[in-house]
Amino acid sequence: MPFQHPEEIGYGYVIERYAARKDSGHARYLVLKSGRFLQPEWLHAEHFARHLIDDSATITDR
């Protein structure tokens, strides 16, 4: 299956909503990559995790 950028097929909002969203001033994908949300001393850990859980519950195949 050839790769298609989400913006090319009308799903650009997916990038903004699920990857670039900034709950704590940092883009979500950077926080996930760094693993900082797993550190209890990070002040935004619970807030970040709650938003991630809420968004994951709304994702569908459509």
C-alpha atoms as a PDB file:
ATOM      1  CA  MET A   1       0.000   0.000   0.000  1.00  0.00           C
ATOM      2  CA  PRO A   2       1.564   3.318  -1.008  1.00  0.00           C
ATOM      3  CA  PHE A   3       1.989   5.963   1.641  1.00  0.00           C
ATOM      4  CA  GLN A   4      -0.349   8.940   1.437  1.00  0.00           C
ATOM      5  CA  HIS A   5       0.079  11.943   3.674  1.00  0.00           C
ATOM      6  CA  PRO A   6      -3.085  12.558   5.763  1.00  0.00           C
ATOM      7  CA  GLU A   7      -3.404  16.074   4.322  1.00  0.00           C
ATOM      8  CA  GLU A   8      -3.455  14.661   0.776  1.00  0.00           C
ATOM      9  CA  ILE A   9      -6.499  12.511   1.482  1.00  0.00           C
ATOM     10  CA  GLY A  10      -8.489  14.972   3.595  1.00  0.00           C
ATOM     11  CA  TYR A  11      -7.349  13.867   7.042  1.00  0.00           C
ATOM     12  CA  GLY A  12      -5.014  16.740   7.923  1.00  0.00           C
ATOM     13  CA  TYR A  13      -6.983  17.341  11.113  1.00  0.00           C
ATOM     14  CA  VAL A  14      -5.687  14.002  12.406  1.00  0.00           C
ATOM     15  CA  ILE A  15      -2.173  15.418  12.597  1.00  0.00           C
ATOM     16  CA  GLU A  16      -3.356  18.516  14.430  1.00  0.00           C
ATOM     17  CA  ARG A  17      -5.639  16.640  16.818  1.00  0.00           C
ATOM     18  CA  TYR A  18      -3.661  13.531  17.681  1.00  0.00           C
ATOM     19  CA  ALA A  19       0.001  14.309  16.958  1.00  0.00           C
ATOM     20  CA  ALA A  20       0.581  18.039  17.231  1.00  0.00           C
ATOM     21  CA  ARG A  21      -1.938  18.793  19.989  1.00  0.00           C
ATOM     22  CA  LYS A  22      -0.342  20.770  22.792  1.00  0.00           C
ATOM     23  CA  ASP A  23      -1.859  19.923  26.181  1.00  0.00           C
ATOM     24  CA  SER A  24       1.140  21.142  28.154  1.00  0.00           C
ATOM     25  CA  GLY A  25       2.941  23.427  25.753  1.00  0.00           C
ATOM     26  CA  HIS A  26       4.707  20.520  24.037  1.00  0.00           C
ATOM     27  CA  ALA A  27       3.476  18.697  20.941  1.00  0.00           C
ATOM     28  CA  ARG A  28       1.964  15.352  21.916  1.00  0.00           C
ATOM     29  CA  TYR A  29       4.262  13.281  19.716  1.00  0.00           C
ATOM     30  CA  LEU A  30       7.332  14.831  21.364  1.00  0.00           C
ATOM     31  CA  VAL A  31       6.029  14.039  24.848  1.00  0.00           C
ATOM     32  CA  LEU A  32       5.247  10.455  23.819  1.00  0.00           C
ATOM     33  CA  LYS A  33       8.659  10.027  22.209  1.00  0.00           C
ATOM     34  CA  SER A  34      10.483  11.402  25.259  1.00  0.00           C
ATOM     35  CA  GLY A  35       8.531   9.271  27.737  1.00  0.00           C
ATOM     36  CA  ARG A  36       8.297  12.200  30.133  1.00  0.00           C
ATOM     37  CA  PHE A  37       4.611  11.461  30.783  1.00  0.00           C
ATOM     38  CA  LEU A  38       5.768   8.326  32.611  1.00  0.00           C
ATOM     39  CA  GLN A  39       7.704  10.382  35.145  1.00  0.00           C
ATOM     40  CA  PRO A  40       5.552  11.053  38.228  1.00  0.00           C
ATOM     41  CA  GLU A  41       7.441  14.274  38.965  1.00  0.00           C
ATOM     42  CA  TRP A  42       6.357  15.809  35.643  1.00  0.00           C
ATOM     43  CA  LEU A  43       3.575  18.217  36.623  1.00  0.00           C
ATOM     44  CA  HIS A  44       1.472  17.604  33.500  1.00  0.00           C
ATOM     45  CA  ALA A  45       1.668  13.780  33.528  1.00  0.00           C
ATOM     46  CA  GLU A  46      -1.867  13.118  34.793  1.00  0.00           C
ATOM     47  CA  HIS A  47      -3.392  15.837  32.605  1.00  0.00           C
ATOM     48  CA  PHE A  48      -1.546  14.543  29.535  1.00  0.00           C
ATOM     49  CA  ALA A  49      -2.532  10.925  30.196  1.00  0.00           C
ATOM     50  CA  ARG A  50      -6.198  11.858  30.729  1.00  0.00           C
ATOM     51  CA  HIS A  51      -6.343  13.702  27.389  1.00  0.00           C
ATOM     52  CA  LEU A  52      -4.588  10.817  25.646  1.00  0.00           C
ATOM     53  CA  ILE A  53      -7.057   8.298  27.096  1.00  0.00           C
ATOM     54  CA  ASP A  54     -10.057  10.467  26.194  1.00  0.00           C
ATOM     55  CA  ASP A  55      -8.860  10.940  22.618  1.00  0.00           C
ATOM     56  CA  SER A  56      -8.027   7.274  22.156  1.00  0.00           C
ATOM     57  CA  ALA A  57     -11.606   6.403  23.091  1.00  0.00           C
ATOM     58  CA  THR A  58     -12.913   8.565  20.230  1.00  0.00           C
ATOM     59  CA  ILE A  59     -10.715   7.072  17.474  1.00  0.00           C
ATOM     60  CA  THR A  60     -12.578   4.904  14.992  1.00  0.00           C
ATOM     61  CA  ASP A  61     -11.699   3.273  11.675  1.00  0.00           C
ATOM     62  CA  ARG A  62     -13.772   5.905   9.944  1.00  0.00           C
END
